Amino acid sequence: MGRSPCCSKESLRRGTWTTMEDKILKEYIKIHGEGKWKHVPKRAGLKRCGKSCRLRWLNYLRPGIKRGNITNDEVELIIRLHNLLGNRFIITLLVILFTNLFLLFLNYVLKS
């Protein structure tokens, strides 16, 4: 009973991604699009787990990811939306719109 493993853990690369692996993953997603992450490593020729490919794409390689410092306007927007909508709605909205950096900042603001 239970879920079958997504991949055999044997002969998988672990650790940091190389620039070549990043390039291969970007090109594959550019051609085939996002989704069916279980099949991406095998079809793209990567020796990684599908979950690893998905997380690499969503957290590092996806175009439009905002990185860097939060502006004062963004801070005011976060606080205003939190006051208006509450924790659940603001966290859902932030996950959709922004990166984990905003969630960490939100937790910092709420604790202080």
PDB file of N, CA and C in Angstrom:
ATOM      1  N   MET A   1       0.846  -1.173   0.000  1.00  0.00           N
ATOM      2  CA  MET A   1       0.000   0.000   0.000  1.00  0.00           C
ATOM      3  C   MET A   1       0.884   1.226   0.000  1.00  0.00           C
ATOM      4  N   GLY A   2       0.371   2.289  -0.512  1.00  0.00           N
ATOM      5  CA  GLY A   2       1.141   3.524  -0.545  1.00  0.00           C
ATOM      6  C   GLY A   2       1.508   3.895  -1.961  1.00  0.00           C
ATOM      7  N   ARG A   3       2.150   4.977  -2.051  1.00  0.00           N
ATOM      8  CA  ARG A   3       2.506   5.526  -3.343  1.00  0.00           C
ATOM      9  C   ARG A   3       3.786   4.883  -3.862  1.00  0.00           C
ATOM     10  N   SER A   4       3.824   4.644  -5.161  1.00  0.00           N
ATOM     11  CA  SER A   4       5.045   4.107  -5.740  1.00  0.00           C
ATOM     12  C   SER A   4       6.077   5.228  -5.840  1.00  0.00           C
ATOM     13  N   PRO A   5       7.350   4.894  -5.748  1.00  0.00           N
ATOM     14  CA  PRO A   5       8.373   5.935  -5.789  1.00  0.00           C
ATOM     15  C   PRO A   5       8.397   6.635  -7.145  1.00  0.00           C
ATOM     16  N   CYS A   6       8.740   7.905  -7.114  1.00  0.00           N
ATOM     17  CA  CYS A   6       8.750   8.678  -8.357  1.00  0.00           C
ATOM     18  C   CYS A   6       9.904   8.260  -9.253  1.00  0.00           C
ATOM     19  N   CYS A   7      10.959   7.783  -8.664  1.00  0.00           N
ATOM     20  CA  CYS A   7      12.118   7.371  -9.441  1.00  0.00           C
ATOM     21  C   CYS A   7      12.964   6.428  -8.600  1.00  0.00           C
ATOM     22  N   SER A   8      13.828   5.684  -9.263  1.00  0.00           N
ATOM     23  CA  SER A   8      14.754   4.865  -8.492  1.00  0.00           C
ATOM     24  C   SER A   8      15.866   5.789  -8.013  1.00  0.00           C
ATOM     25  N   LYS A   9      16.187   5.704  -6.759  1.00  0.00           N
ATOM     26  CA  LYS A   9      17.164   6.622  -6.172  1.00  0.00           C
ATOM     27  C   LYS A   9      18.594   6.291  -6.589  1.00  0.00           C
ATOM     28  N   GLU A  10      18.764   5.193  -7.269  1.00  0.00           N
ATOM     29  CA  GLU A  10      20.092   4.798  -7.717  1.00  0.00           C
ATOM     30  C   GLU A  10      20.512   5.656  -8.909  1.00  0.00           C
ATOM     31  N   SER A  11      21.760   5.948  -8.974  1.00  0.00           N
ATOM     32  CA  SER A  11      22.403   6.680 -10.072  1.00  0.00           C
ATOM     33  C   SER A  11      21.821   8.073 -10.317  1.00  0.00           C
ATOM     34  N   LEU A  12      21.225   8.675  -9.302  1.00  0.00           N
ATOM     35  CA  LEU A  12      20.752  10.046  -9.430  1.00  0.00           C
ATOM     36  C   LEU A  12      21.815  10.998  -8.911  1.00  0.00           C
ATOM     37  N   ARG A  13      21.946  12.121  -9.578  1.00  0.00           N
ATOM     38  CA  ARG A  13      22.867  13.153  -9.105  1.00  0.00           C
ATOM     39  C   ARG A  13      22.241  13.870  -7.933  1.00  0.00           C
ATOM     40  N   ARG A  14      23.056  14.204  -6.969  1.00  0.00           N
ATOM     41  CA  ARG A  14      22.612  14.980  -5.823  1.00  0.00           C
ATOM     42  C   ARG A  14      23.520  16.178  -5.686  1.00  0.00           C
ATOM     43  N   GLY A  15      23.078  17.144  -4.917  1.00  0.00           N
ATOM     44  CA  GLY A  15      23.922  18.301  -4.676  1.00  0.00           C
ATOM     45  C   GLY A  15      23.613  19.446  -5.624  1.00  0.00           C
ATOM     46  N   THR A  16      24.582  20.321  -5.788  1.00  0.00           N
ATOM     47  CA  THR A  16      24.353  21.539  -6.569  1.00  0.00           C
ATOM     48  C   THR A  16      24.172  21.227  -8.047  1.00  0.00           C
ATOM     49  N   TRP A  17      23.377  22.059  -8.670  1.00  0.00           N
ATOM     50  CA  TRP A  17      23.120  21.937 -10.095  1.00  0.00           C
ATOM     51  C   TRP A  17      24.234  22.627 -10.863  1.00  0.00           C
ATOM     52  N   THR A  18      24.611  22.045 -11.978  1.00  0.00           N
ATOM     53  CA  THR A  18      25.606  22.672 -12.843  1.00  0.00           C
ATOM     54  C   THR A  18      24.905  23.606 -13.820  1.00  0.00           C
ATOM     55  N   THR A  19      25.670  24.499 -14.413  1.00  0.00           N
ATOM     56  CA  THR A  19      25.084  25.417 -15.402  1.00  0.00           C
ATOM     57  C   THR A  19      24.589  24.648 -16.624  1.00  0.00           C
ATOM     58  N   MET A  20      25.238  23.561 -16.958  1.00  0.00           N
ATOM     59  CA  MET A  20      24.796  22.740 -18.092  1.00  0.00           C
ATOM     60  C   MET A  20      23.441  22.102 -17.803  1.00  0.00           C
ATOM     61  N   GLU A  21      23.248  21.599 -16.584  1.00  0.00           N
ATOM     62  CA  GLU A  21      21.956  21.018 -16.211  1.00  0.00           C
ATOM     63  C   GLU A  21      20.863  22.080 -16.243  1.00  0.00           C
ATOM     64  N   ASP A  22      21.180  23.285 -15.752  1.00  0.00           N
ATOM     65  CA  ASP A  22      20.213  24.382 -15.802  1.00  0.00           C
ATOM     66  C   ASP A  22      19.817  24.686 -17.237  1.00  0.00           C
ATOM     67  N   LYS A  23      20.806  24.733 -18.112  1.00  0.00           N
ATOM     68  CA  LYS A  23      20.544  25.026 -19.523  1.00  0.00           C
ATOM     69  C   LYS A  23      19.653  23.952 -20.160  1.00  0.00           C
ATOM     70  N   ILE A  24      19.952  22.699 -19.863  1.00  0.00           N
ATOM     71  CA  ILE A  24      19.156  21.589 -20.403  1.00  0.00           C
ATOM     72  C   ILE A  24      17.715  21.685 -19.923  1.00  0.00           C
ATOM     73  N   LEU A  25      17.528  21.956 -18.622  1.00  0.00           N
ATOM     74  CA  LEU A  25      16.176  22.054 -18.070  1.00  0.00           C
ATOM     75  C   LEU A  25      15.422  23.235 -18.672  1.00  0.00           C
ATOM     76  N   LYS A  26      16.078  24.383 -18.816  1.00  0.00           N
ATOM     77  CA  LYS A  26      15.437  25.555 -19.425  1.00  0.00           C
ATOM     78  C   LYS A  26      14.990  25.267 -20.848  1.00  0.00           C
ATOM     79  N   GLU A  27      15.877  24.661 -21.626  1.00  0.00           N
ATOM     80  CA  GLU A  27      15.550  24.357 -23.026  1.00  0.00           C
ATOM     81  C   GLU A  27      14.392  23.364 -23.127  1.00  0.00           C
ATOM     82  N   TYR A  28      14.408  22.353 -22.260  1.00  0.00           N
ATOM     83  CA  TYR A  28      13.326  21.363 -22.285  1.00  0.00           C
ATOM     84  C   TYR A  28      11.984  22.022 -21.984  1.00  0.00           C
ATOM     85  N   ILE A  29      11.961  22.857 -20.947  1.00  0.00           N
ATOM     86  CA  ILE A  29      10.703  23.509 -20.558  1.00  0.00           C
ATOM     87  C   ILE A  29      10.276  24.530 -21.601  1.00  0.00           C
ATOM     88  N   LYS A  30      11.231  25.170 -22.244  1.00  0.00           N
ATOM     89  CA  LYS A  30      10.915  26.131 -23.310  1.00  0.00           C
ATOM     90  C   LYS A  30      10.197  25.427 -24.456  1.00  0.00           C
ATOM     91  N   ILE A  31      10.632  24.227 -24.776  1.00  0.00           N
ATOM     92  CA  ILE A  31      10.043  23.474 -25.893  1.00  0.00           C
ATOM     93  C   ILE A  31       8.739  22.783 -25.479  1.00  0.00           C
ATOM     94  N   HIS A  32       8.752  22.098 -24.329  1.00  0.00           N
ATOM     95  CA  HIS A  32       7.635  21.241 -23.941  1.00  0.00           C
ATOM     96  C   HIS A  32       6.689  21.854 -22.912  1.00  0.00           C
ATOM     97  N   GLY A  33       7.101  22.926 -22.259  1.00  0.00           N
ATOM     98  CA  GLY A  33       6.263  23.550 -21.242  1.00  0.00           C
ATOM     99  C   GLY A  33       6.391  22.878 -19.888  1.00  0.00           C
ATOM    100  N   GLU A  34       5.780  23.526 -18.895  1.00  0.00           N
ATOM    101  CA  GLU A  34       5.816  22.992 -17.531  1.00  0.00           C
ATOM    102  C   GLU A  34       4.817  21.850 -17.393  1.00  0.00           C
ATOM    103  N   GLY A  35       5.053  20.991 -16.416  1.00  0.00           N
ATOM    104  CA  GLY A  35       4.110  19.924 -16.115  1.00  0.00           C
ATOM    105  C   GLY A  35       4.706  18.553 -16.333  1.00  0.00           C
ATOM    106  N   LYS A  36       4.026  17.559 -15.816  1.00  0.00           N
ATOM    107  CA  LYS A  36       4.463  16.165 -15.886  1.00  0.00           C
ATOM    108  C   LYS A  36       5.916  16.043 -15.449  1.00  0.00           C
ATOM    109  N   TRP A  37       6.185  16.562 -14.248  1.00  0.00           N
ATOM    110  CA  TRP A  37       7.550  16.636 -13.740  1.00  0.00           C
ATOM    111  C   TRP A  37       8.179  15.269 -13.535  1.00  0.00           C
ATOM    112  N   LYS A  38       7.357  14.265 -13.355  1.00  0.00           N
ATOM    113  CA  LYS A  38       7.882  12.913 -13.155  1.00  0.00           C
ATOM    114  C   LYS A  38       8.665  12.439 -14.389  1.00  0.00           C
ATOM    115  N   HIS A  39       8.249  12.907 -15.568  1.00  0.00           N
ATOM    116  CA  HIS A  39       8.857  12.449 -16.813  1.00  0.00           C
ATOM    117  C   HIS A  39       9.959  13.386 -17.321  1.00  0.00           C
ATOM    118  N   VAL A  40      10.064  14.574 -16.760  1.00  0.00           N
ATOM    119  CA  VAL A  40      11.010  15.574 -17.259  1.00  0.00           C
ATOM    120  C   VAL A  40      12.455  15.092 -17.239  1.00  0.00           C
ATOM    121  N   PRO A  41      12.966  14.545 -16.128  1.00  0.00           N
ATOM    122  CA  PRO A  41      14.391  14.189 -16.118  1.00  0.00           C
ATOM    123  C   PRO A  41      14.770  13.161 -17.181  1.00  0.00           C
ATOM    124  N   LYS A  42      13.935  12.170 -17.346  1.00  0.00           N
ATOM    125  CA  LYS A  42      14.245  11.115 -18.313  1.00  0.00           C
ATOM    126  C   LYS A  42      14.194  11.652 -19.741  1.00  0.00           C
ATOM    127  N   ARG A  43      13.160  12.436 -20.048  1.00  0.00           N
ATOM    128  CA  ARG A  43      13.003  12.966 -21.400  1.00  0.00           C
ATOM    129  C   ARG A  43      14.031  14.049 -21.725  1.00  0.00           C
ATOM    130  N   ALA A  44      14.455  14.796 -20.714  1.00  0.00           N
ATOM    131  CA  ALA A  44      15.431  15.868 -20.934  1.00  0.00           C
ATOM    132  C   ALA A  44      16.860  15.335 -20.887  1.00  0.00           C
ATOM    133  N   GLY A  45      17.034  14.133 -20.380  1.00  0.00           N
ATOM    134  CA  GLY A  45      18.366  13.564 -20.278  1.00  0.00           C
ATOM    135  C   GLY A  45      19.113  13.980 -19.028  1.00  0.00           C
ATOM    136  N   LEU A  46      18.383  14.304 -17.984  1.00  0.00           N
ATOM    137  CA  LEU A  46      18.996  14.698 -16.714  1.00  0.00           C
ATOM    138  C   LEU A  46      18.995  13.519 -15.755  1.00  0.00           C
ATOM    139  N   LYS A  47      19.999  13.429 -14.938  1.00  0.00           N
ATOM    140  CA  LYS A  47      20.042  12.379 -13.921  1.00  0.00           C
ATOM    141  C   LYS A  47      19.615  12.982 -12.591  1.00  0.00           C
ATOM    142  N   ARG A  48      18.414  13.494 -12.565  1.00  0.00           N
ATOM    143  CA  ARG A  48      17.832  14.109 -11.375  1.00  0.00           C
ATOM    144  C   ARG A  48      16.440  13.535 -11.167  1.00  0.00           C
ATOM    145  N   CYS A  49      15.907  13.759  -9.979  1.00  0.00           N
ATOM    146  CA  CYS A  49      14.543  13.360  -9.654  1.00  0.00           C
ATOM    147  C   CYS A  49      13.592  14.409 -10.238  1.00  0.00           C
ATOM    148  N   GLY A  50      12.370  14.011 -10.560  1.00  0.00           N
ATOM    149  CA  GLY A  50      11.383  14.948 -11.084  1.00  0.00           C
ATOM    150  C   GLY A  50      11.076  16.067 -10.112  1.00  0.00           C
ATOM    151  N   LYS A  51      11.038  15.740  -8.832  1.00  0.00           N
ATOM    152  CA  LYS A  51      10.782  16.756  -7.817  1.00  0.00           C
ATOM    153  C   LYS A  51      11.912  17.778  -7.791  1.00  0.00           C
ATOM    154  N   SER A  52      13.125  17.313  -7.940  1.00  0.00           N
ATOM    155  CA  SER A  52      14.269  18.212  -7.962  1.00  0.00           C
ATOM    156  C   SER A  52      14.202  19.155  -9.154  1.00  0.00           C
ATOM    157  N   CYS A  53      13.800  18.643 -10.303  1.00  0.00           N
ATOM    158  CA  CYS A  53      13.651  19.478 -11.503  1.00  0.00           C
ATOM    159  C   CYS A  53      12.556  20.520 -11.304  1.00  0.00           C
ATOM    160  N   ARG A  54      11.437  20.098 -10.733  1.00  0.00           N
ATOM    161  CA  ARG A  54      10.323  21.022 -10.494  1.00  0.00           C
ATOM    162  C   ARG A  54      10.736  22.143  -9.546  1.00  0.00           C
ATOM    163  N   LEU A  55      11.379  21.793  -8.447  1.00  0.00           N
ATOM    164  CA  LEU A  55      11.795  22.799  -7.480  1.00  0.00           C
ATOM    165  C   LEU A  55      12.858  23.727  -8.056  1.00  0.00           C
ATOM    166  N   ARG A  56      13.771  23.176  -8.841  1.00  0.00           N
ATOM    167  CA  ARG A  56      14.797  24.017  -9.465  1.00  0.00           C
ATOM    168  C   ARG A  56      14.148  25.034 -10.391  1.00  0.00           C
ATOM    169  N   TRP A  57      13.174  24.592 -11.176  1.00  0.00           N
ATOM    170  CA  TRP A  57      12.495  25.491 -12.106  1.00  0.00           C
ATOM    171  C   TRP A  57      11.687  26.549 -11.350  1.00  0.00           C
ATOM    172  N   LEU A  58      10.895  26.132 -10.391  1.00  0.00           N
ATOM    173  CA  LEU A  58      10.011  27.070  -9.702  1.00  0.00           C
ATOM    174  C   LEU A  58      10.768  28.075  -8.838  1.00  0.00           C
ATOM    175  N   ASN A  59      11.856  27.660  -8.212  1.00  0.00           N
ATOM    176  CA  ASN A  59      12.544  28.528  -7.264  1.00  0.00           C
ATOM    177  C   ASN A  59      13.734  29.292  -7.827  1.00  0.00           C
ATOM    178  N   TYR A  60      14.299  28.852  -8.962  1.00  0.00           N
ATOM    179  CA  TYR A  60      15.514  29.488  -9.449  1.00  0.00           C
ATOM    180  C   TYR A  60      15.491  29.879 -10.921  1.00  0.00           C
ATOM    181  N   LEU A  61      14.946  29.041 -11.777  1.00  0.00           N
ATOM    182  CA  LEU A  61      15.110  29.245 -13.214  1.00  0.00           C
ATOM    183  C   LEU A  61      13.926  29.908 -13.896  1.00  0.00           C
ATOM    184  N   ARG A  62      12.773  29.862 -13.288  1.00  0.00           N
ATOM    185  CA  ARG A  62      11.563  30.394 -13.915  1.00  0.00           C
ATOM    186  C   ARG A  62      11.735  31.888 -14.216  1.00  0.00           C
ATOM    187  N   PRO A  63      11.376  32.325 -15.429  1.00  0.00           N
ATOM    188  CA  PRO A  63      11.479  33.751 -15.727  1.00  0.00           C
ATOM    189  C   PRO A  63      10.487  34.549 -14.887  1.00  0.00           C
ATOM    190  N   GLY A  64      10.868  35.745 -14.525  1.00  0.00           N
ATOM    191  CA  GLY A  64       9.978  36.608 -13.768  1.00  0.00           C
ATOM    192  C   GLY A  64      10.086  36.479 -12.266  1.00  0.00           C
ATOM    193  N   ILE A  65      11.022  35.676 -11.773  1.00  0.00           N
ATOM    194  CA  ILE A  65      11.209  35.579 -10.330  1.00  0.00           C
ATOM    195  C   ILE A  65      11.896  36.852  -9.858  1.00  0.00           C
ATOM    196  N   LYS A  66      11.292  37.470  -8.874  1.00  0.00           N
ATOM    197  CA  LYS A  66      11.867  38.706  -8.337  1.00  0.00           C
ATOM    198  C   LYS A  66      12.845  38.353  -7.225  1.00  0.00           C
ATOM    199  N   ARG A  67      14.031  38.889  -7.325  1.00  0.00           N
ATOM    200  CA  ARG A  67      15.047  38.664  -6.305  1.00  0.00           C
ATOM    201  C   ARG A  67      15.561  40.007  -5.836  1.00  0.00           C
ATOM    202  N   GLY A  68      16.019  40.043  -4.618  1.00  0.00           N
ATOM    203  CA  GLY A  68      16.609  41.273  -4.116  1.00  0.00           C
ATOM    204  C   GLY A  68      15.805  41.844  -2.972  1.00  0.00           C
ATOM    205  N   ASN A  69      16.092  43.100  -2.650  1.00  0.00           N
ATOM    206  CA  ASN A  69      15.460  43.760  -1.519  1.00  0.00           C
ATOM    207  C   ASN A  69      14.010  44.121  -1.808  1.00  0.00           C
ATOM    208  N   ILE A  70      13.233  44.234  -0.747  1.00  0.00           N
ATOM    209  CA  ILE A  70      11.831  44.611  -0.838  1.00  0.00           C
ATOM    210  C   ILE A  70      11.757  46.134  -0.739  1.00  0.00           C
ATOM    211  N   THR A  71      10.996  46.748  -1.639  1.00  0.00           N
ATOM    212  CA  THR A  71      10.860  48.199  -1.614  1.00  0.00           C
ATOM    213  C   THR A  71       9.853  48.608  -0.542  1.00  0.00           C
ATOM    214  N   ASN A  72       9.861  49.881  -0.181  1.00  0.00           N
ATOM    215  CA  ASN A  72       8.908  50.388   0.813  1.00  0.00           C
ATOM    216  C   ASN A  72       7.468  50.259   0.334  1.00  0.00           C
ATOM    217  N   ASP A  73       7.237  50.440  -0.960  1.00  0.00           N
ATOM    218  CA  ASP A  73       5.888  50.277  -1.504  1.00  0.00           C
ATOM    219  C   ASP A  73       5.386  48.850  -1.311  1.00  0.00           C
ATOM    220  N   GLU A  74       6.267  47.881  -1.524  1.00  0.00           N
ATOM    221  CA  GLU A  74       5.886  46.483  -1.350  1.00  0.00           C
ATOM    222  C   GLU A  74       5.606  46.166   0.112  1.00  0.00           C
ATOM    223  N   VAL A  75       6.370  46.753   1.013  1.00  0.00           N
ATOM    224  CA  VAL A  75       6.137  46.563   2.449  1.00  0.00           C
ATOM    225  C   VAL A  75       4.759  47.088   2.823  1.00  0.00           C
ATOM    226  N   GLU A  76       4.433  48.286   2.352  1.00  0.00           N
ATOM    227  CA  GLU A  76       3.122  48.875   2.644  1.00  0.00           C
ATOM    228  C   GLU A  76       1.996  48.037   2.057  1.00  0.00           C
ATOM    229  N   LEU A  77       2.197  47.517   0.845  1.00  0.00           N
ATOM    230  CA  LEU A  77       1.182  46.673   0.213  1.00  0.00           C
ATOM    231  C   LEU A  77       0.949  45.402   1.028  1.00  0.00           C
ATOM    232  N   ILE A  78       2.020  44.768   1.483  1.00  0.00           N
ATOM    233  CA  ILE A  78       1.899  43.544   2.282  1.00  0.00           C
ATOM    234  C   ILE A  78       1.130  43.814   3.566  1.00  0.00           C
ATOM    235  N   ILE A  79       1.489  44.874   4.254  1.00  0.00           N
ATOM    236  CA  ILE A  79       0.826  45.201   5.526  1.00  0.00           C
ATOM    237  C   ILE A  79      -0.636  45.566   5.297  1.00  0.00           C
ATOM    238  N   ARG A  80      -0.917  46.338   4.252  1.00  0.00           N
ATOM    239  CA  ARG A  80      -2.299  46.734   3.946  1.00  0.00           C
ATOM    240  C   ARG A  80      -3.153  45.510   3.606  1.00  0.00           C
ATOM    241  N   LEU A  81      -2.630  44.613   2.776  1.00  0.00           N
ATOM    242  CA  LEU A  81      -3.377  43.407   2.408  1.00  0.00           C
ATOM    243  C   LEU A  81      -3.574  42.487   3.615  1.00  0.00           C
ATOM    244  N   HIS A  82      -2.574  42.420   4.469  1.00  0.00           N
ATOM    245  CA  HIS A  82      -2.725  41.597   5.665  1.00  0.00           C
ATOM    246  C   HIS A  82      -3.818  42.139   6.572  1.00  0.00           C
ATOM    247  N   ASN A  83      -3.851  43.447   6.752  1.00  0.00           N
ATOM    248  CA  ASN A  83      -4.898  44.051   7.577  1.00  0.00           C
ATOM    249  C   ASN A  83      -6.277  43.859   6.961  1.00  0.00           C
ATOM    250  N   LEU A  84      -6.338  43.901   5.640  1.00  0.00           N
ATOM    251  CA  LEU A  84      -7.610  43.779   4.939  1.00  0.00           C
ATOM    252  C   LEU A  84      -8.108  42.337   4.872  1.00  0.00           C
ATOM    253  N   LEU A  85      -7.215  41.402   4.533  1.00  0.00           N
ATOM    254  CA  LEU A  85      -7.637  40.028   4.241  1.00  0.00           C
ATOM    255  C   LEU A  85      -7.294  39.006   5.321  1.00  0.00           C
ATOM    256  N   GLY A  86      -6.314  39.278   6.143  1.00  0.00           N
ATOM    257  CA  GLY A  86      -5.928  38.322   7.172  1.00  0.00           C
ATOM    258  C   GLY A  86      -4.834  37.388   6.700  1.00  0.00           C
ATOM    259  N   ASN A  87      -4.420  36.484   7.588  1.00  0.00           N
ATOM    260  CA  ASN A  87      -3.280  35.605   7.332  1.00  0.00           C
ATOM    261  C   ASN A  87      -3.482  34.658   6.154  1.00  0.00           C
ATOM    262  N   ARG A  88      -4.569  33.936   6.124  1.00  0.00           N
ATOM    263  CA  ARG A  88      -4.747  32.911   5.098  1.00  0.00           C
ATOM    264  C   ARG A  88      -4.746  33.492   3.693  1.00  0.00           C
ATOM    265  N   PHE A  89      -5.493  34.554   3.506  1.00  0.00           N
ATOM    266  CA  PHE A  89      -5.610  35.118   2.175  1.00  0.00           C
ATOM    267  C   PHE A  89      -4.314  35.781   1.727  1.00  0.00           C
ATOM    268  N   ILE A  90      -3.661  36.472   2.640  1.00  0.00           N
ATOM    269  CA  ILE A  90      -2.420  37.149   2.258  1.00  0.00           C
ATOM    270  C   ILE A  90      -1.327  36.153   1.938  1.00  0.00           C
ATOM    271  N   ILE A  91      -1.240  35.067   2.680  1.00  0.00           N
ATOM    272  CA  ILE A  91      -0.212  34.070   2.394  1.00  0.00           C
ATOM    273  C   ILE A  91      -0.483  33.403   1.052  1.00  0.00           C
ATOM    274  N   THR A  92      -1.728  33.080   0.769  1.00  0.00           N
ATOM    275  CA  THR A  92      -2.081  32.503  -0.530  1.00  0.00           C
ATOM    276  C   THR A  92      -1.734  33.467  -1.650  1.00  0.00           C
ATOM    277  N   LEU A  93      -2.074  34.719  -1.472  1.00  0.00           N
ATOM    278  CA  LEU A  93      -1.792  35.729  -2.485  1.00  0.00           C
ATOM    279  C   LEU A  93      -0.292  35.897  -2.681  1.00  0.00           C
ATOM    280  N   LEU A  94       0.444  35.916  -1.597  1.00  0.00           N
ATOM    281  CA  LEU A  94       1.890  36.101  -1.701  1.00  0.00           C
ATOM    282  C   LEU A  94       2.570  34.915  -2.361  1.00  0.00           C
ATOM    283  N   VAL A  95       2.090  33.725  -2.087  1.00  0.00           N
ATOM    284  CA  VAL A  95       2.671  32.545  -2.729  1.00  0.00           C
ATOM    285  C   VAL A  95       2.468  32.626  -4.234  1.00  0.00           C
ATOM    286  N   ILE A  96       1.313  33.089  -4.641  1.00  0.00           N
ATOM    287  CA  ILE A  96       1.021  33.191  -6.066  1.00  0.00           C
ATOM    288  C   ILE A  96       1.843  34.299  -6.717  1.00  0.00           C
ATOM    289  N   LEU A  97       1.926  35.439  -6.070  1.00  0.00           N
ATOM    290  CA  LEU A  97       2.534  36.605  -6.698  1.00  0.00           C
ATOM    291  C   LEU A  97       4.024  36.762  -6.467  1.00  0.00           C
ATOM    292  N   PHE A  98       4.501  36.351  -5.318  1.00  0.00           N
ATOM    293  CA  PHE A  98       5.861  36.673  -4.944  1.00  0.00           C
ATOM    294  C   PHE A  98       6.651  35.428  -4.576  1.00  0.00           C
ATOM    295  N   THR A  99       7.912  35.612  -4.247  1.00  0.00           N
ATOM    296  CA  THR A  99       8.775  34.487  -3.883  1.00  0.00           C
ATOM    297  C   THR A  99       8.766  34.269  -2.379  1.00  0.00           C
ATOM    298  N   ASN A 100       9.515  33.295  -1.935  1.00  0.00           N
ATOM    299  CA  ASN A 100       9.597  32.971  -0.513  1.00  0.00           C
ATOM    300  C   ASN A 100      10.171  34.113   0.309  1.00  0.00           C
ATOM    301  N   LEU A 101      10.904  34.989  -0.331  1.00  0.00           N
ATOM    302  CA  LEU A 101      11.480  36.126   0.360  1.00  0.00           C
ATOM    303  C   LEU A 101      10.396  36.964   1.028  1.00  0.00           C
ATOM    304  N   PHE A 102       9.272  37.134   0.354  1.00  0.00           N
ATOM    305  CA  PHE A 102       8.179  37.911   0.909  1.00  0.00           C
ATOM    306  C   PHE A 102       7.532  37.208   2.095  1.00  0.00           C
ATOM    307  N   LEU A 103       7.437  35.899   2.018  1.00  0.00           N
ATOM    308  CA  LEU A 103       6.844  35.169   3.132  1.00  0.00           C
ATOM    309  C   LEU A 103       7.713  35.275   4.374  1.00  0.00           C
ATOM    310  N   LEU A 104       9.010  35.181   4.178  1.00  0.00           N
ATOM    311  CA  LEU A 104       9.918  35.336   5.309  1.00  0.00           C
ATOM    312  C   LEU A 104       9.804  36.739   5.898  1.00  0.00           C
ATOM    313  N   PHE A 105       9.701  37.726   5.027  1.00  0.00           N
ATOM    314  CA  PHE A 105       9.568  39.099   5.490  1.00  0.00           C
ATOM    315  C   PHE A 105       8.245  39.306   6.215  1.00  0.00           C
ATOM    316  N   LEU A 106       7.171  38.707   5.701  1.00  0.00           N
ATOM    317  CA  LEU A 106       5.866  38.822   6.337  1.00  0.00           C
ATOM    318  C   LEU A 106       5.925  38.252   7.750  1.00  0.00           C
ATOM    319  N   ASN A 107       6.531  37.099   7.913  1.00  0.00           N
ATOM    320  CA  ASN A 107       6.662  36.516   9.246  1.00  0.00           C
ATOM    321  C   ASN A 107       7.471  37.419  10.158  1.00  0.00           C
ATOM    322  N   TYR A 108       8.501  38.042   9.622  1.00  0.00           N
ATOM    323  CA  TYR A 108       9.319  38.969  10.413  1.00  0.00           C
ATOM    324  C   TYR A 108       8.492  40.167  10.855  1.00  0.00           C
ATOM    325  N   VAL A 109       7.695  40.740   9.947  1.00  0.00           N
ATOM    326  CA  VAL A 109       6.882  41.910  10.256  1.00  0.00           C
ATOM    327  C   VAL A 109       5.808  41.569  11.289  1.00  0.00           C
ATOM    328  N   LEU A 110       5.183  40.408  11.124  1.00  0.00           N
ATOM    329  CA  LEU A 110       4.111  40.021  12.033  1.00  0.00           C
ATOM    330  C   LEU A 110       4.633  39.738  13.435  1.00  0.00           C
ATOM    331  N   LYS A 111       5.848  39.232  13.556  1.00  0.00           N
ATOM    332  CA  LYS A 111       6.412  38.928  14.875  1.00  0.00           C
ATOM    333  C   LYS A 111       6.865  40.181  15.599  1.00  0.00           C
ATOM    334  N   SER A 112       7.241  41.214  14.842  1.00  0.00           N
ATOM    335  CA  SER A 112       7.729  42.435  15.496  1.00  0.00           C
ATOM    336  C   SER A 112       6.631  43.453  15.731  1.00  0.00           C
TER     337      SER A 112
END
